[in-house]
C-alpha atoms as a PDB file:
ATOM      1  CA  MET A   1     -50.959-196.872 -17.378  1.00  0.00           C
ATOM      2  CA  ARG A   2     -51.707-196.759 -21.075  1.00  0.00           C
ATOM      3  CA  LEU A   3     -53.046-193.186 -21.214  1.00  0.00           C
ATOM      4  CA  GLU A   4     -50.716-191.479 -18.764  1.00  0.00           C
ATOM      5  CA  ASN A   5     -50.252-187.743 -19.525  1.00  0.00           C
ATOM      6  CA  LYS A   6     -52.965-187.902 -22.212  1.00  0.00           C
ATOM      7  CA  VAL A   7     -56.072-185.736 -22.433  1.00  0.00           C
ATOM      8  CA  ALA A   8     -59.260-187.292 -23.802  1.00  0.00           C
ATOM      9  CA  LEU A   9     -62.548-185.690 -24.770  1.00  0.00           C
ATOM     10  CA  ILE A  10     -65.539-188.046 -24.620  1.00  0.00           C
ATOM     11  CA  THR A  11     -68.973-187.085 -25.910  1.00  0.00           C
ATOM     12  CA  GLY A  12     -72.057-188.860 -24.619  1.00  0.00           C
ATOM     13  CA  ALA A  13     -70.145-189.301 -21.374  1.00  0.00           C
ATOM     14  CA  GLY A  14     -73.173-189.220 -19.100  1.00  0.00           C
ATOM     15  CA  ASN A  15     -74.133-192.873 -19.498  1.00  0.00           C
ATOM     16  CA  GLY A  16     -73.581-196.110 -21.390  1.00  0.00           C
ATOM     17  CA  ILE A  17     -70.391-196.483 -23.400  1.00  0.00           C
ATOM     18  CA  GLY A  18     -69.321-192.930 -22.636  1.00  0.00           C
ATOM     19  CA  ARG A  19     -69.567-193.341 -18.880  1.00  0.00           C
ATOM     20  CA  GLU A  20     -67.751-196.693 -18.822  1.00  0.00           C
ATOM     21  CA  THR A  21     -65.030-195.305 -21.078  1.00  0.00           C
ATOM     22  CA  ALA A  22     -64.580-192.287 -18.820  1.00  0.00           C
ATOM     23  CA  ILE A  23     -64.081-194.504 -15.762  1.00  0.00           C
ATOM     24  CA  LEU A  24     -61.617-196.755 -17.622  1.00  0.00           C
ATOM     25  CA  PHE A  25     -59.653-193.950 -19.287  1.00  0.00           C
ATOM     26  CA  ALA A  26     -59.272-192.182 -15.939  1.00  0.00           C
ATOM     27  CA  ALA A  27     -57.959-195.393 -14.351  1.00  0.00           C
ATOM     28  CA  GLU A  28     -55.440-195.581 -17.206  1.00  0.00           C
ATOM     29  CA  GLY A  29     -54.134-192.087 -16.416  1.00  0.00           C
ATOM     30  CA  ALA A  30     -56.005-189.773 -18.806  1.00  0.00           C
ATOM     31  CA  ALA A  31     -57.384-186.361 -17.906  1.00  0.00           C
ATOM     32  CA  LEU A  32     -60.939-186.138 -19.182  1.00  0.00           C
ATOM     33  CA  ALA A  33     -63.147-183.538 -20.819  1.00  0.00           C
ATOM     34  CA  LEU A  34     -66.552-185.159 -20.367  1.00  0.00           C
ATOM     35  CA  VAL A  35     -69.333-183.913 -22.632  1.00  0.00           C
ATOM     36  CA  ASP A  36     -73.052-184.558 -22.552  1.00  0.00           C
ATOM     37  CA  VAL A  37     -76.296-182.704 -23.214  1.00  0.00           C
ATOM     38  CA  ASN A  38     -77.537-183.943 -19.809  1.00  0.00           C
ATOM     39  CA  GLU A  39     -75.882-181.745 -17.195  1.00  0.00           C
ATOM     40  CA  ALA A  40     -76.797-183.845 -14.158  1.00  0.00           C
ATOM     41  CA  ALA A  41     -75.545-187.056 -15.780  1.00  0.00           C
ATOM     42  CA  VAL A  42     -72.188-185.676 -16.894  1.00  0.00           C
ATOM     43  CA  ASP A  43     -71.640-183.926 -13.564  1.00  0.00           C
ATOM     44  CA  ALA A  44     -72.183-187.248 -11.799  1.00  0.00           C
ATOM     45  CA  VAL A  45     -69.626-189.048 -13.976  1.00  0.00           C
ATOM     46  CA  ALA A  46     -67.057-186.271 -13.515  1.00  0.00           C
ATOM     47  CA  ALA A  47     -67.604-186.418  -9.753  1.00  0.00           C
ATOM     48  CA  GLU A  48     -67.122-190.193  -9.785  1.00  0.00           C
ATOM     49  CA  VAL A  49     -63.847-189.831 -11.671  1.00  0.00           C
ATOM     50  CA  LYS A  50     -62.604-187.190  -9.225  1.00  0.00           C
ATOM     51  CA  ASP A  51     -63.677-189.238  -6.194  1.00  0.00           C
ATOM     52  CA  ASN A  52     -61.446-192.027  -7.502  1.00  0.00           C
ATOM     53  CA  GLY A  53     -58.456-189.706  -7.815  1.00  0.00           C
ATOM     54  CA  GLY A  54     -58.814-188.812 -11.500  1.00  0.00           C
ATOM     55  CA  ARG A  55     -59.005-185.492 -13.331  1.00  0.00           C
ATOM     56  CA  ALA A  56     -62.190-184.548 -15.136  1.00  0.00           C
ATOM     57  CA  ALA A  57     -64.137-181.525 -16.345  1.00  0.00           C
ATOM     58  CA  ALA A  58     -67.871-181.760 -17.043  1.00  0.00           C
ATOM     59  CA  ILE A  59     -69.024-179.890 -20.144  1.00  0.00           C
ATOM     60  CA  VAL A  60     -72.612-179.450 -21.311  1.00  0.00           C
ATOM     61  CA  ALA A  61     -72.790-179.306 -25.100  1.00  0.00           C
ATOM     62  CA  ASP A  62     -75.087-180.030 -28.025  1.00  0.00           C
ATOM     63  CA  ILE A  63     -72.875-181.832 -30.515  1.00  0.00           C
ATOM     64  CA  SER A  64     -75.193-180.989 -33.407  1.00  0.00           C
ATOM     65  CA  ASN A  65     -74.309-177.301 -32.931  1.00  0.00           C
ATOM     66  CA  ALA A  66     -71.021-175.980 -34.343  1.00  0.00           C
ATOM     67  CA  ALA A  67     -70.462-173.268 -31.724  1.00  0.00           C
ATOM     68  CA  SER A  68     -71.123-175.784 -28.954  1.00  0.00           C
ATOM     69  CA  CYS A  69     -68.584-178.243 -30.398  1.00  0.00           C
ATOM     70  CA  GLU A  70     -65.978-175.530 -30.890  1.00  0.00           C
ATOM     71  CA  GLU A  71     -66.390-174.458 -27.275  1.00  0.00           C
ATOM     72  CA  MET A  72     -66.172-177.990 -25.848  1.00  0.00           C
ATOM     73  CA  VAL A  73     -62.792-178.500 -27.525  1.00  0.00           C
ATOM     74  CA  ALA A  74     -61.592-175.062 -26.440  1.00  0.00           C
ATOM     75  CA  THR A  75     -62.655-175.860 -22.867  1.00  0.00           C
ATOM     76  CA  ALA A  76     -60.678-179.107 -22.913  1.00  0.00           C
ATOM     77  CA  GLU A  77     -57.561-177.243 -24.033  1.00  0.00           C
ATOM     78  CA  ARG A  78     -58.068-174.490 -21.442  1.00  0.00           C
ATOM     79  CA  GLN A  79     -58.590-176.996 -18.641  1.00  0.00           C
ATOM     80  CA  PHE A  80     -55.809-179.433 -19.480  1.00  0.00           C
ATOM     81  CA  GLY A  81     -53.515-177.677 -21.967  1.00  0.00           C
ATOM     82  CA  ARG A  82     -53.863-180.121 -24.861  1.00  0.00           C
ATOM     83  CA  LEU A  83     -56.028-182.740 -26.551  1.00  0.00           C
ATOM     84  CA  ASP A  84     -54.731-186.184 -27.517  1.00  0.00           C
ATOM     85  CA  ILE A  85     -57.834-188.363 -27.822  1.00  0.00           C
ATOM     86  CA  MET A  86     -61.240-187.493 -29.281  1.00  0.00           C
ATOM     87  CA  PHE A  87     -64.001-190.037 -28.686  1.00  0.00           C
ATOM     88  CA  ASN A  88     -67.019-188.946 -30.751  1.00  0.00           C
ATOM     89  CA  ASN A  89     -69.372-191.304 -28.996  1.00  0.00           C
ATOM     90  CA  ALA A  90     -72.661-189.451 -28.462  1.00  0.00           C
ATOM     91  CA  GLY A  91     -75.624-190.658 -30.451  1.00  0.00           C
ATOM     92  CA  ILE A  92     -79.377-191.073 -30.442  1.00  0.00           C
ATOM     93  CA  MET A  93     -81.812-193.795 -31.486  1.00  0.00           C
ATOM     94  CA  LEU A  94     -85.365-192.487 -31.761  1.00  0.00           C
ATOM     95  CA  PRO A  95     -88.354-194.789 -31.151  1.00  0.00           C
ATOM     96  CA  ALA A  96     -90.177-193.519 -34.254  1.00  0.00           C
ATOM     97  CA  ASP A  97     -87.259-194.527 -36.498  1.00  0.00           C
ATOM     98  CA  GLY A  98     -88.525-197.247 -38.841  1.00  0.00           C
ATOM     99  CA  ASP A  99     -88.398-197.943 -42.555  1.00  0.00           C
ATOM    100  CA  ALA A 100     -88.389-195.335 -45.346  1.00  0.00           C
ATOM    101  CA  VAL A 101     -92.173-195.176 -45.530  1.00  0.00           C
ATOM    102  CA  SER A 102     -92.881-194.864 -41.809  1.00  0.00           C
ATOM    103  CA  THR A 103     -89.992-192.635 -40.721  1.00  0.00           C
ATOM    104  CA  ASP A 104     -90.899-188.940 -40.557  1.00  0.00           C
ATOM    105  CA  GLU A 105     -88.515-186.422 -42.061  1.00  0.00           C
ATOM    106  CA  ALA A 106     -88.076-184.805 -38.638  1.00  0.00           C
ATOM    107  CA  VAL A 107     -86.808-188.119 -37.203  1.00  0.00           C
ATOM    108  CA  TRP A 108     -84.376-188.477 -40.107  1.00  0.00           C
ATOM    109  CA  ASP A 109     -83.102-184.896 -39.716  1.00  0.00           C
ATOM    110  CA  LYS A 110     -82.618-185.084 -35.942  1.00  0.00           C
ATOM    111  CA  THR A 111     -80.857-188.447 -36.135  1.00  0.00           C
ATOM    112  CA  MET A 112     -78.508-187.217 -38.847  1.00  0.00           C
ATOM    113  CA  ALA A 113     -77.838-183.973 -36.974  1.00  0.00           C
ATOM    114  CA  VAL A 114     -76.621-185.800 -33.884  1.00  0.00           C
ATOM    115  CA  ASN A 115     -75.169-189.064 -35.178  1.00  0.00           C
ATOM    116  CA  ALA A 116     -73.502-187.882 -38.398  1.00  0.00           C
ATOM    117  CA  LYS A 117     -73.142-184.102 -38.207  1.00  0.00           C
ATOM    118  CA  GLY A 118     -72.124-184.373 -34.552  1.00  0.00           C
ATOM    119  CA  VAL A 119     -69.186-186.619 -35.454  1.00  0.00           C
ATOM    120  CA  TYR A 120     -68.210-184.299 -38.317  1.00  0.00           C
ATOM    121  CA  LEU A 121     -68.237-181.284 -35.984  1.00  0.00           C
ATOM    122  CA  GLY A 122     -66.259-183.156 -33.344  1.00  0.00           C
ATOM    123  CA  CYS A 123     -63.606-183.902 -35.947  1.00  0.00           C
ATOM    124  CA  LYS A 124     -63.754-180.380 -37.398  1.00  0.00           C
ATOM    125  CA  TYR A 125     -62.758-178.815 -34.089  1.00  0.00           C
ATOM    126  CA  GLY A 126     -60.948-181.755 -32.519  1.00  0.00           C
ATOM    127  CA  ILE A 127     -58.447-182.369 -35.312  1.00  0.00           C
ATOM    128  CA  PRO A 128     -56.744-178.950 -35.063  1.00  0.00           C
ATOM    129  CA  ALA A 129     -56.400-179.428 -31.297  1.00  0.00           C
ATOM    130  CA  ILE A 130     -54.907-182.912 -31.700  1.00  0.00           C
ATOM    131  CA  ARG A 131     -52.607-181.526 -34.386  1.00  0.00           C
ATOM    132  CA  ARG A 132     -51.387-178.918 -31.898  1.00  0.00           C
ATOM    133  CA  SER A 133     -50.524-181.769 -29.520  1.00  0.00           C
ATOM    134  CA  GLY A 134     -48.425-183.512 -32.161  1.00  0.00           C
ATOM    135  CA  GLY A 135     -50.914-186.218 -33.095  1.00  0.00           C
ATOM    136  CA  GLY A 136     -53.257-188.620 -31.410  1.00  0.00           C
ATOM    137  CA  SER A 137     -56.326-190.787 -31.800  1.00  0.00           C
ATOM    138  CA  ILE A 138     -59.894-190.127 -32.907  1.00  0.00           C
ATOM    139  CA  ILE A 139     -62.542-192.774 -32.248  1.00  0.00           C
ATOM    140  CA  ASN A 140     -65.978-192.423 -33.814  1.00  0.00           C
ATOM    141  CA  THR A 141     -68.808-194.620 -32.567  1.00  0.00           C
ATOM    142  CA  ALA A 142     -70.582-196.273 -35.490  1.00  0.00           C
ATOM    143  CA  SER A 143     -72.485-199.578 -35.237  1.00  0.00           C
ATOM    144  CA  PHE A 144     -72.704-203.080 -36.636  1.00  0.00           C
ATOM    145  CA  VAL A 145     -75.810-201.903 -38.545  1.00  0.00           C
ATOM    146  CA  ALA A 146     -73.520-199.741 -40.671  1.00  0.00           C
ATOM    147  CA  VAL A 147     -72.130-202.874 -42.319  1.00  0.00           C
ATOM    148  CA  MET A 148     -75.282-204.998 -42.435  1.00  0.00           C
ATOM    149  CA  GLY A 149     -79.053-204.520 -42.318  1.00  0.00           C
ATOM    150  CA  ALA A 150     -80.830-204.372 -38.981  1.00  0.00           C
ATOM    151  CA  ALA A 151     -83.475-206.994 -38.205  1.00  0.00           C
ATOM    152  CA  THR A 152     -85.607-204.285 -36.599  1.00  0.00           C
ATOM    153  CA  PRO A 153     -85.995-201.342 -39.028  1.00  0.00           C
ATOM    154  CA  GLN A 154     -84.210-198.158 -37.948  1.00  0.00           C
ATOM    155  CA  LEU A 155     -83.347-196.512 -41.241  1.00  0.00           C
ATOM    156  CA  ALA A 156     -82.204-193.098 -40.047  1.00  0.00           C
ATOM    157  CA  TYR A 157     -79.962-194.604 -37.398  1.00  0.00           C
ATOM    158  CA  THR A 158     -78.471-197.129 -39.816  1.00  0.00           C
ATOM    159  CA  ALA A 159     -77.824-194.493 -42.475  1.00  0.00           C
ATOM    160  CA  SER A 160     -76.271-192.123 -39.949  1.00  0.00           C
ATOM    161  CA  LYS A 161     -73.864-194.793 -38.765  1.00  0.00           C
ATOM    162  CA  GLY A 162     -72.963-195.627 -42.371  1.00  0.00           C
ATOM    163  CA  ALA A 163     -72.036-191.971 -42.766  1.00  0.00           C
ATOM    164  CA  VAL A 164     -69.769-192.264 -39.712  1.00  0.00           C
ATOM    165  CA  LEU A 165     -67.900-195.154 -41.353  1.00  0.00           C
ATOM    166  CA  ALA A 166     -67.370-193.250 -44.601  1.00  0.00           C
ATOM    167  CA  LEU A 167     -66.250-190.117 -42.766  1.00  0.00           C
ATOM    168  CA  THR A 168     -63.865-192.154 -40.612  1.00  0.00           C
ATOM    169  CA  ARG A 169     -62.176-193.857 -43.563  1.00  0.00           C
ATOM    170  CA  GLU A 170     -61.607-190.630 -45.439  1.00  0.00           C
ATOM    171  CA  LEU A 171     -60.248-188.722 -42.436  1.00  0.00           C
ATOM    172  CA  ALA A 172     -57.931-191.640 -41.632  1.00  0.00           C
ATOM    173  CA  VAL A 173     -56.374-191.385 -45.086  1.00  0.00           C
ATOM    174  CA  VAL A 174     -56.188-187.586 -45.072  1.00  0.00           C
ATOM    175  CA  HIS A 175     -54.509-187.297 -41.678  1.00  0.00           C
ATOM    176  CA  ALA A 176     -52.399-190.472 -41.481  1.00  0.00           C
ATOM    177  CA  ARG A 177     -49.100-188.698 -42.206  1.00  0.00           C
ATOM    178  CA  GLU A 178     -49.810-186.218 -39.391  1.00  0.00           C
ATOM    179  CA  GLY A 179     -49.841-188.945 -36.788  1.00  0.00           C
ATOM    180  CA  ILE A 180     -53.595-188.630 -36.320  1.00  0.00           C
ATOM    181  CA  ARG A 181     -55.292-192.011 -36.333  1.00  0.00           C
ATOM    182  CA  VAL A 182     -59.042-192.203 -37.010  1.00  0.00           C
ATOM    183  CA  ASN A 183     -61.011-195.373 -36.360  1.00  0.00           C
ATOM    184  CA  ALA A 184     -64.679-196.332 -36.050  1.00  0.00           C
ATOM    185  CA  LEU A 185     -65.829-198.439 -33.119  1.00  0.00           C
ATOM    186  CA  CYS A 186     -68.741-200.617 -34.290  1.00  0.00           C
ATOM    187  CA  PRO A 187     -70.569-202.123 -31.318  1.00  0.00           C
ATOM    188  CA  GLY A 188     -72.971-204.990 -31.678  1.00  0.00           C
ATOM    189  CA  PRO A 189     -76.274-205.007 -29.783  1.00  0.00           C
ATOM    190  CA  LEU A 190     -75.620-203.765 -26.238  1.00  0.00           C
ATOM    191  CA  ARG A 191     -77.436-203.929 -22.949  1.00  0.00           C
ATOM    192  CA  THR A 192     -77.593-200.153 -22.681  1.00  0.00           C
ATOM    193  CA  GLU A 193     -80.490-197.849 -21.882  1.00  0.00           C
ATOM    194  CA  LEU A 194     -80.366-196.537 -25.457  1.00  0.00           C
ATOM    195  CA  LEU A 195     -80.943-199.913 -27.126  1.00  0.00           C
ATOM    196  CA  MET A 196     -83.132-201.459 -24.446  1.00  0.00           C
ATOM    197  CA  SER A 197     -85.564-198.546 -24.717  1.00  0.00           C
ATOM    198  CA  PHE A 198     -85.686-199.063 -28.494  1.00  0.00           C
ATOM    199  CA  LEU A 199     -86.087-202.847 -28.236  1.00  0.00           C
ATOM    200  CA  ASP A 200     -88.964-202.372 -25.823  1.00  0.00           C
ATOM    201  CA  THR A 201     -90.499-205.842 -26.045  1.00  0.00           C
ATOM    202  CA  ASP A 202     -89.118-209.331 -25.489  1.00  0.00           C
ATOM    203  CA  GLU A 203     -89.965-210.117 -29.102  1.00  0.00           C
ATOM    204  CA  LYS A 204     -87.771-207.286 -30.383  1.00  0.00           C
ATOM    205  CA  LYS A 205     -84.936-208.273 -28.054  1.00  0.00           C
ATOM    206  CA  GLN A 206     -85.037-211.885 -29.205  1.00  0.00           C
ATOM    207  CA  ARG A 207     -85.127-210.777 -32.843  1.00  0.00           C
ATOM    208  CA  ARG A 208     -81.719-209.213 -32.238  1.00  0.00           C
ATOM    209  CA  LEU A 209     -80.242-211.914 -30.039  1.00  0.00           C
ATOM    210  CA  VAL A 210     -81.048-214.744 -32.450  1.00  0.00           C
ATOM    211  CA  HIS A 211     -78.464-213.283 -34.823  1.00  0.00           C
ATOM    212  CA  VAL A 212     -75.629-213.023 -32.249  1.00  0.00           C
ATOM    213  CA  PRO A 213     -73.439-216.150 -32.133  1.00  0.00           C
ATOM    214  CA  MET A 214     -72.473-215.446 -28.516  1.00  0.00           C
ATOM    215  CA  GLY A 215     -76.168-215.406 -27.645  1.00  0.00           C
ATOM    216  CA  ARG A 216     -76.120-212.323 -25.431  1.00  0.00           C
ATOM    217  CA  PHE A 217     -76.102-208.548 -25.550  1.00  0.00           C
ATOM    218  CA  GLY A 218     -72.743-206.867 -25.165  1.00  0.00           C
ATOM    219  CA  GLU A 219     -71.947-204.632 -22.220  1.00  0.00           C
ATOM    220  CA  ALA A 220     -70.900-200.987 -22.332  1.00  0.00           C
ATOM    221  CA  LYS A 221     -67.795-201.863 -20.328  1.00  0.00           C
ATOM    222  CA  GLU A 222     -66.660-204.189 -23.124  1.00  0.00           C
ATOM    223  CA  MET A 223     -66.882-201.295 -25.605  1.00  0.00           C
ATOM    224  CA  ALA A 224     -64.839-199.142 -23.242  1.00  0.00           C
ATOM    225  CA  HIS A 225     -61.996-201.664 -23.374  1.00  0.00           C
ATOM    226  CA  ALA A 226     -62.164-201.655 -27.171  1.00  0.00           C
ATOM    227  CA  ALA A 227     -62.020-197.850 -27.131  1.00  0.00           C
ATOM    228  CA  LEU A 228     -58.989-198.021 -24.835  1.00  0.00           C
ATOM    229  CA  PHE A 229     -57.162-200.152 -27.388  1.00  0.00           C
ATOM    230  CA  LEU A 230     -57.927-197.640 -30.155  1.00  0.00           C
ATOM    231  CA  ALA A 231     -56.987-194.677 -27.947  1.00  0.00           C
ATOM    232  CA  SER A 232     -53.684-196.078 -26.739  1.00  0.00           C
ATOM    233  CA  ASP A 233     -50.357-196.766 -28.411  1.00  0.00           C
ATOM    234  CA  ASP A 234     -51.329-200.444 -28.451  1.00  0.00           C
ATOM    235  CA  SER A 235     -53.059-199.601 -31.754  1.00  0.00           C
ATOM    236  CA  SER A 236     -50.277-197.399 -33.129  1.00  0.00           C
ATOM    237  CA  TYR A 237     -50.471-199.008 -36.609  1.00  0.00           C
ATOM    238  CA  VAL A 238     -54.273-199.053 -36.740  1.00  0.00           C
ATOM    239  CA  THR A 239     -56.198-196.401 -38.654  1.00  0.00           C
ATOM    240  CA  GLY A 240     -59.221-196.292 -40.940  1.00  0.00           C
ATOM    241  CA  THR A 241     -60.740-199.452 -39.475  1.00  0.00           C
ATOM    242  CA  ASP A 242     -64.335-200.492 -38.835  1.00  0.00           C
ATOM    243  CA  PHE A 243     -63.561-202.103 -35.476  1.00  0.00           C
ATOM    244  CA  LEU A 244     -66.420-204.554 -34.968  1.00  0.00           C
ATOM    245  CA  VAL A 245     -67.052-205.608 -31.373  1.00  0.00           C
ATOM    246  CA  ASP A 246     -70.255-207.521 -31.926  1.00  0.00           C
ATOM    247  CA  GLY A 247     -70.236-210.985 -30.413  1.00  0.00           C
ATOM    248  CA  GLY A 248     -69.542-212.521 -33.837  1.00  0.00           C
ATOM    249  CA  LEU A 249     -72.671-211.120 -35.459  1.00  0.00           C
ATOM    250  CA  ALA A 250     -71.043-209.751 -38.619  1.00  0.00           C
ATOM    251  CA  ALA A 251     -68.896-212.859 -39.054  1.00  0.00           C
ATOM    252  CA  ALA A 252     -72.043-214.968 -39.195  1.00  0.00           C
ATOM    253  CA  TYR A 253     -73.915-212.862 -41.729  1.00  0.00           C
ATOM    254  CA  VAL A 254     -71.526-210.758 -43.806  1.00  0.00           C
ATOM    255  CA  THR A 255     -69.742-212.570 -46.631  1.00  0.00           C
ATOM    256  CA  PRO A 256     -66.426-211.302 -48.015  1.00  0.00           C
ATOM    257  CA  GLU A 257     -66.403-209.673 -51.432  1.00  0.00           C
END
């Protein structure tokens, strides 16, 4: 098992990528601090992990709030004695997010508070805990839209994920000699509730799919396997990367400098 004797904290664990990663990490031997703003959803995932013989604690937290983030990390350490893996995965994509003219300031502020500030706060409180454990892995969920423009305008979301990439690169450099690896997972378009509710018409869905060489949406389970690679010692020489898992989308449209 690739995560045996490891403790992982996963935000946004109630559904989508977070839920699939929780199930996979538990099967690979990790104890899990599962965090979500939706109490019923995170309780259900923790119960599923336990029913399958794993160890999990459900934690309700608002990742845009510093005190909430500090407490979720403290709870993980109290429950399991250490923290080795921090998966800053939680994020939002608001339906009113459009271009610069149409996007309200409130949409911009809320998106940044969760998607960018939430990752910063996770790192702020997670890094000292991982340092106390002698090193480990931080994975921040970004997106393919952070490296290329989105066909369907979502400016606040795109900008927030660009911030995640910049934050990830800098923290990777700062903490590399401490044995703390920091990488950004950049999913392509996924068949998750989050994206499907945003792409709420067949026209919008096809506008995304036409750009994907594989011709299909990715699955949350595929992102979980990518996160497992970044969390485990299989990626022991990998830090500061924008790990694109996008069905070939960026390869088709992004040209090298």
